[in-house]
N, C-alpha and C. Protein backbone atom coordinates (compact mmCIF):
# COMPACT_ATOMS: atom_id res chain seq x y z
N MET A 1 49.66 -16.58 -32.15
CA MET A 1 50.45 -15.63 -31.62
C MET A 1 49.65 -14.29 -31.15
N SER A 2 49.98 -13.81 -30.25
CA SER A 2 49.35 -12.70 -29.49
C SER A 2 49.87 -11.43 -30.17
N ARG A 3 48.86 -10.59 -30.30
CA ARG A 3 49.26 -8.98 -30.78
C ARG A 3 49.91 -8.35 -29.81
N PRO A 4 51.10 -7.70 -30.42
CA PRO A 4 51.75 -6.93 -29.32
C PRO A 4 50.99 -5.67 -28.81
N LYS A 5 51.13 -5.33 -27.53
CA LYS A 5 50.44 -4.28 -26.88
C LYS A 5 50.86 -3.02 -27.56
N ALA A 6 49.78 -1.99 -27.94
CA ALA A 6 49.91 -0.84 -28.40
C ALA A 6 50.75 0.21 -27.60
N ALA A 7 51.56 0.81 -28.05
CA ALA A 7 52.36 1.93 -27.15
C ALA A 7 51.40 2.91 -26.84
N VAL A 8 51.83 3.55 -25.55
CA VAL A 8 51.12 4.66 -25.22
C VAL A 8 51.16 5.89 -26.29
N PRO A 9 50.26 6.53 -26.61
CA PRO A 9 50.47 7.89 -27.56
C PRO A 9 51.23 8.82 -26.63
N SER A 10 52.25 9.53 -27.40
CA SER A 10 52.83 10.55 -26.75
C SER A 10 52.39 11.87 -26.65
N TYR A 11 52.64 12.65 -25.80
CA TYR A 11 52.09 13.95 -25.54
C TYR A 11 53.23 14.75 -26.25
N ARG A 12 52.76 15.60 -27.15
CA ARG A 12 53.80 16.33 -27.93
C ARG A 12 53.41 17.69 -27.92
N LEU A 13 54.47 18.55 -28.54
CA LEU A 13 54.29 19.93 -28.55
C LEU A 13 53.94 20.26 -30.31
N HIS A 14 52.93 20.92 -30.62
CA HIS A 14 52.64 21.23 -31.91
C HIS A 14 53.28 22.56 -32.17
N LYS A 15 54.56 22.76 -32.67
CA LYS A 15 55.20 23.98 -32.76
C LYS A 15 54.55 24.93 -33.49
N ALA A 16 53.73 24.84 -34.48
CA ALA A 16 52.93 25.82 -35.26
C ALA A 16 52.01 26.71 -34.17
N SER A 17 51.25 25.95 -33.47
CA SER A 17 50.19 26.61 -32.64
C SER A 17 50.90 26.76 -31.20
N GLY A 18 51.88 26.04 -30.74
CA GLY A 18 52.23 26.06 -29.30
C GLY A 18 51.23 25.41 -28.43
N GLN A 19 50.47 24.51 -28.93
CA GLN A 19 49.58 23.66 -28.31
C GLN A 19 50.02 22.27 -28.05
N ALA A 20 49.72 21.48 -27.00
CA ALA A 20 50.00 20.14 -26.78
C ALA A 20 49.03 19.42 -27.62
N VAL A 21 49.54 18.47 -28.31
CA VAL A 21 48.70 17.53 -29.06
C VAL A 21 49.17 16.05 -28.92
N VAL A 22 48.19 15.12 -29.05
CA VAL A 22 48.14 13.62 -28.99
C VAL A 22 47.75 13.15 -30.13
N TYR A 23 48.37 12.14 -30.95
CA TYR A 23 47.63 11.43 -32.15
C TYR A 23 47.17 10.21 -31.65
N LEU A 24 45.91 10.14 -31.76
CA LEU A 24 45.06 8.97 -30.88
C LEU A 24 44.04 8.60 -31.89
N ASP A 25 43.89 7.34 -32.32
CA ASP A 25 42.70 6.86 -33.13
C ASP A 25 42.85 7.50 -34.51
N ARG A 26 43.93 7.64 -35.00
CA ARG A 26 44.22 8.30 -36.48
C ARG A 26 43.67 9.65 -36.58
N ARG A 27 43.91 10.37 -35.39
CA ARG A 27 43.33 11.88 -35.38
C ARG A 27 44.35 12.65 -34.46
N GLU A 28 44.65 13.85 -34.68
CA GLU A 28 45.23 14.65 -33.89
C GLU A 28 44.25 15.35 -32.82
N HIS A 29 44.59 15.21 -31.65
CA HIS A 29 43.56 15.82 -30.64
C HIS A 29 44.53 17.10 -29.78
N TYR A 30 44.04 18.15 -29.99
CA TYR A 30 44.58 19.47 -29.34
C TYR A 30 44.17 19.59 -27.94
N LEU A 31 45.05 19.82 -27.10
CA LEU A 31 44.81 19.69 -25.77
C LEU A 31 44.93 21.09 -24.97
N GLY A 32 45.46 22.06 -25.67
CA GLY A 32 45.51 23.25 -25.03
C GLY A 32 46.99 23.64 -25.04
N PRO A 33 47.52 24.78 -24.26
CA PRO A 33 48.78 25.36 -24.12
C PRO A 33 49.72 24.09 -23.65
N TYR A 34 50.90 23.96 -24.48
CA TYR A 34 51.60 22.80 -24.02
C TYR A 34 52.38 23.03 -22.69
N ASP A 35 52.31 21.93 -21.99
CA ASP A 35 52.71 21.72 -20.56
C ASP A 35 51.91 22.53 -19.41
N SER A 36 50.58 22.73 -19.89
CA SER A 36 49.73 23.29 -18.79
C SER A 36 48.93 22.19 -18.19
N PRO A 37 48.66 22.45 -16.89
CA PRO A 37 47.95 21.33 -16.19
C PRO A 37 46.66 21.01 -16.99
N GLU A 38 46.02 21.92 -17.68
CA GLU A 38 44.63 21.65 -18.22
C GLU A 38 45.13 20.76 -19.40
N SER A 39 46.08 21.12 -20.25
CA SER A 39 46.29 19.95 -21.29
C SER A 39 46.93 18.54 -20.88
N ARG A 40 47.47 18.60 -19.50
CA ARG A 40 47.87 17.26 -19.10
C ARG A 40 46.60 16.50 -18.73
N GLN A 41 45.59 17.22 -18.09
CA GLN A 41 44.37 16.43 -17.70
C GLN A 41 43.51 16.03 -18.96
N ARG A 42 43.62 16.83 -19.81
CA ARG A 42 42.98 16.37 -21.07
C ARG A 42 43.56 15.32 -21.65
N TYR A 43 44.90 15.31 -21.69
CA TYR A 43 45.80 14.09 -22.27
C TYR A 43 45.36 12.68 -21.33
N ALA A 44 45.49 12.88 -19.92
CA ALA A 44 45.09 11.80 -19.24
C ALA A 44 43.66 11.24 -19.38
N ALA A 45 42.57 12.24 -19.61
CA ALA A 45 41.35 11.82 -19.96
C ALA A 45 41.19 11.17 -21.19
N LEU A 46 41.72 11.46 -22.31
CA LEU A 46 41.95 10.76 -23.42
C LEU A 46 42.45 9.39 -23.47
N LEU A 47 43.44 9.14 -22.67
CA LEU A 47 44.04 8.05 -22.62
C LEU A 47 43.12 6.89 -21.64
N TYR A 48 42.66 7.61 -20.71
CA TYR A 48 41.61 6.85 -19.79
C TYR A 48 40.46 6.44 -20.64
N GLY A 49 39.88 7.33 -21.37
CA GLY A 49 38.70 6.99 -22.36
C GLY A 49 39.05 5.81 -23.35
N ARG A 50 40.09 5.94 -23.73
CA ARG A 50 40.68 5.05 -24.84
C ARG A 50 40.97 3.57 -24.03
N GLU A 51 41.36 3.58 -22.79
CA GLU A 51 41.70 2.07 -22.13
C GLU A 51 40.34 1.69 -21.91
N ALA A 52 39.41 2.44 -21.31
CA ALA A 52 38.13 2.17 -20.81
C ALA A 52 37.20 1.30 -21.93
N ALA A 53 37.54 2.19 -23.19
CA ALA A 53 36.87 1.46 -24.43
C ALA A 53 37.51 0.24 -24.70
N ALA A 54 38.69 0.08 -24.73
CA ALA A 54 39.26 -1.00 -24.94
C ALA A 54 39.11 -2.23 -24.07
N THR A 55 38.98 -2.01 -22.90
CA THR A 55 38.64 -3.01 -21.96
C THR A 55 37.23 -3.49 -21.98
N LYS A 56 36.96 -4.47 -22.32
CA LYS A 56 35.41 -5.10 -22.28
C LYS A 56 35.16 -5.74 -21.12
N VAL A 57 34.62 -5.10 -20.21
CA VAL A 57 34.00 -5.43 -18.81
C VAL A 57 32.76 -6.03 -18.93
N ASP A 58 32.54 -7.25 -18.55
CA ASP A 58 31.06 -7.71 -18.30
C ASP A 58 30.33 -7.04 -17.23
N PRO A 59 29.29 -6.45 -17.69
CA PRO A 59 28.46 -5.72 -16.66
C PRO A 59 28.01 -6.54 -15.53
N VAL A 60 27.81 -6.09 -14.41
CA VAL A 60 27.23 -6.89 -13.47
C VAL A 60 25.67 -7.12 -13.59
N PRO A 61 25.40 -8.32 -13.55
CA PRO A 61 23.79 -8.60 -13.97
C PRO A 61 22.99 -7.92 -12.86
N LYS A 62 21.99 -7.39 -13.32
CA LYS A 62 21.05 -6.71 -12.41
C LYS A 62 20.10 -7.70 -11.92
N PRO A 63 19.68 -7.65 -10.78
CA PRO A 63 18.67 -8.56 -10.05
C PRO A 63 17.43 -8.44 -11.07
N ALA A 64 16.72 -9.65 -11.49
CA ALA A 64 15.50 -9.50 -12.13
C ALA A 64 14.36 -8.97 -11.20
N THR A 65 13.89 -7.97 -11.55
CA THR A 65 12.75 -7.27 -10.79
C THR A 65 11.18 -7.68 -11.54
N PHE A 66 11.33 -7.88 -12.69
CA PHE A 66 10.09 -8.17 -13.55
C PHE A 66 9.52 -9.54 -13.39
N LEU A 67 8.33 -9.65 -12.74
CA LEU A 67 7.86 -11.10 -12.50
C LEU A 67 7.21 -11.62 -13.46
N VAL A 68 6.85 -12.91 -13.55
CA VAL A 68 6.16 -13.62 -14.46
C VAL A 68 4.49 -13.05 -14.43
N ALA A 69 4.20 -12.62 -13.15
CA ALA A 69 2.89 -12.17 -13.29
C ALA A 69 2.61 -10.88 -14.01
N GLU A 70 3.82 -9.96 -13.92
CA GLU A 70 3.63 -8.65 -14.58
C GLU A 70 3.65 -8.90 -16.06
N LEU A 71 4.43 -10.09 -16.59
CA LEU A 71 4.64 -10.27 -18.05
C LEU A 71 3.31 -10.82 -18.47
N LEU A 72 2.66 -11.62 -17.64
CA LEU A 72 1.24 -12.16 -17.99
C LEU A 72 0.10 -11.20 -18.05
N LEU A 73 0.45 -10.13 -17.07
CA LEU A 73 -0.61 -9.05 -17.19
C LEU A 73 -0.38 -8.18 -18.53
N ARG A 74 0.87 -7.99 -18.67
CA ARG A 74 1.19 -7.09 -19.96
C ARG A 74 0.43 -7.98 -21.22
N PHE A 75 0.68 -9.37 -21.34
CA PHE A 75 0.03 -9.97 -22.25
C PHE A 75 -1.45 -9.85 -22.39
N ALA A 76 -1.93 -10.00 -21.28
CA ALA A 76 -3.45 -9.92 -21.32
C ALA A 76 -3.90 -8.69 -21.67
N THR A 77 -3.38 -7.64 -21.25
CA THR A 77 -3.85 -6.21 -21.62
C THR A 77 -3.50 -5.83 -23.13
N GLU A 78 -2.33 -6.20 -23.54
CA GLU A 78 -2.14 -5.70 -24.88
C GLU A 78 -2.29 -6.76 -25.86
N ARG A 79 -2.02 -8.05 -25.80
CA ARG A 79 -2.42 -9.08 -26.85
C ARG A 79 -3.61 -9.73 -27.00
N LEU A 80 -4.48 -9.89 -25.93
CA LEU A 80 -5.57 -10.72 -25.87
C LEU A 80 -6.69 -9.97 -26.41
N PRO A 81 -6.70 -8.72 -26.37
CA PRO A 81 -7.83 -8.03 -26.98
C PRO A 81 -8.12 -8.10 -28.55
N LYS A 82 -6.82 -8.74 -29.18
CA LYS A 82 -7.02 -8.87 -30.41
C LYS A 82 -7.75 -10.26 -30.98
N TYR A 83 -8.11 -11.12 -29.84
CA TYR A 83 -8.56 -12.43 -30.16
C TYR A 83 -10.26 -12.27 -29.73
N LEU A 84 -10.81 -11.10 -30.13
CA LEU A 84 -12.25 -10.87 -29.91
C LEU A 84 -12.89 -11.25 -31.11
N THR A 85 -14.15 -11.54 -31.07
CA THR A 85 -14.86 -11.84 -32.42
C THR A 85 -15.44 -10.39 -32.90
N PRO A 86 -15.82 -10.25 -34.04
CA PRO A 86 -16.12 -9.05 -34.59
C PRO A 86 -17.18 -8.33 -33.87
N ASP A 87 -18.03 -8.89 -33.12
CA ASP A 87 -18.96 -8.29 -32.35
C ASP A 87 -18.58 -7.91 -31.01
N GLY A 88 -17.16 -8.18 -30.55
CA GLY A 88 -16.58 -7.73 -29.46
C GLY A 88 -16.73 -8.85 -28.28
N ALA A 89 -17.20 -9.86 -28.62
CA ALA A 89 -17.34 -10.89 -27.60
C ALA A 89 -15.88 -11.68 -27.63
N PRO A 90 -15.64 -12.28 -26.32
CA PRO A 90 -14.42 -13.27 -26.41
C PRO A 90 -14.53 -14.50 -27.23
N SER A 91 -13.49 -14.76 -28.04
CA SER A 91 -13.51 -15.69 -28.94
C SER A 91 -12.96 -17.09 -28.01
N ALA A 92 -13.15 -18.32 -28.61
CA ALA A 92 -12.83 -19.56 -28.02
C ALA A 92 -11.29 -19.29 -27.62
N GLU A 93 -10.60 -18.98 -28.61
CA GLU A 93 -9.12 -18.92 -28.63
C GLU A 93 -8.67 -17.97 -27.25
N GLN A 94 -9.42 -16.92 -26.92
CA GLN A 94 -9.19 -15.84 -26.01
C GLN A 94 -9.38 -16.67 -24.66
N ALA A 95 -10.52 -17.66 -24.48
CA ALA A 95 -10.81 -18.32 -23.35
C ALA A 95 -9.69 -19.09 -23.00
N CYS A 96 -9.38 -19.81 -24.12
CA CYS A 96 -8.10 -20.82 -23.73
C CYS A 96 -6.93 -20.25 -23.20
N TYR A 97 -6.62 -19.10 -23.98
CA TYR A 97 -5.41 -18.28 -23.40
C TYR A 97 -5.48 -17.88 -22.00
N GLN A 98 -6.84 -17.40 -21.71
CA GLN A 98 -7.21 -16.92 -20.28
C GLN A 98 -6.97 -18.13 -19.23
N SER A 99 -7.42 -19.35 -19.55
CA SER A 99 -7.20 -20.46 -18.79
C SER A 99 -5.86 -20.75 -18.57
N VAL A 100 -5.03 -20.64 -19.64
CA VAL A 100 -3.50 -21.09 -19.37
C VAL A 100 -3.02 -20.04 -18.60
N LEU A 101 -3.19 -18.84 -18.93
CA LEU A 101 -2.72 -17.73 -18.10
C LEU A 101 -2.87 -17.78 -16.51
N LYS A 102 -4.15 -18.19 -16.29
CA LYS A 102 -4.43 -18.28 -14.93
C LYS A 102 -3.66 -19.38 -14.27
N ILE A 103 -3.51 -20.54 -14.91
CA ILE A 103 -2.62 -21.65 -14.39
C ILE A 103 -1.20 -21.19 -14.21
N VAL A 104 -0.65 -20.34 -15.32
CA VAL A 104 0.83 -20.27 -15.29
C VAL A 104 1.01 -19.14 -14.03
N ARG A 105 -0.08 -18.24 -13.94
CA ARG A 105 0.09 -17.21 -12.83
C ARG A 105 0.24 -17.85 -11.42
N GLU A 106 -0.74 -18.78 -11.34
CA GLU A 106 -0.85 -19.54 -10.07
C GLU A 106 0.51 -20.24 -9.70
N LEU A 107 0.97 -20.90 -10.76
CA LEU A 107 2.22 -21.64 -10.45
C LEU A 107 3.51 -20.74 -10.36
N PHE A 108 3.61 -19.81 -11.21
CA PHE A 108 4.96 -19.14 -11.38
C PHE A 108 4.84 -17.56 -11.15
N GLY A 109 3.69 -17.17 -10.77
CA GLY A 109 3.52 -15.64 -10.72
C GLY A 109 4.72 -14.85 -9.98
N GLN A 110 4.97 -15.37 -9.09
CA GLN A 110 6.03 -14.58 -8.25
C GLN A 110 7.57 -14.93 -8.63
N THR A 111 7.74 -15.74 -9.66
CA THR A 111 8.91 -15.99 -10.11
C THR A 111 9.36 -14.93 -11.05
N PRO A 112 10.85 -14.49 -10.94
CA PRO A 112 11.43 -13.57 -11.86
C PRO A 112 11.27 -14.12 -13.24
N ALA A 113 10.94 -13.15 -14.14
CA ALA A 113 10.86 -13.54 -15.42
C ALA A 113 12.17 -13.62 -16.16
């Protein structure tokens, strides 16, 4: 069974202060002098913000601008240096990575990552 739609919070007069008030999200929001254009605008803005937060819209996917070649370059500059021997020479593992990276770059370098 679906949940009933929540009622729109009412724009009311706070008698003690003479301000407009709306009870929203378990809290009172004072909007300014009752029945003024500013208080009506604040009321509308609060309702709009509440509605926007309640409506979960999937964002439009952004086109992929990051290419596989850029990803491989980052890997080569940031991670490959850790595969050096203690004297600073490339290790056998680093040589294997470099040959694989070369093949992947040639085949898929211009593909979005």
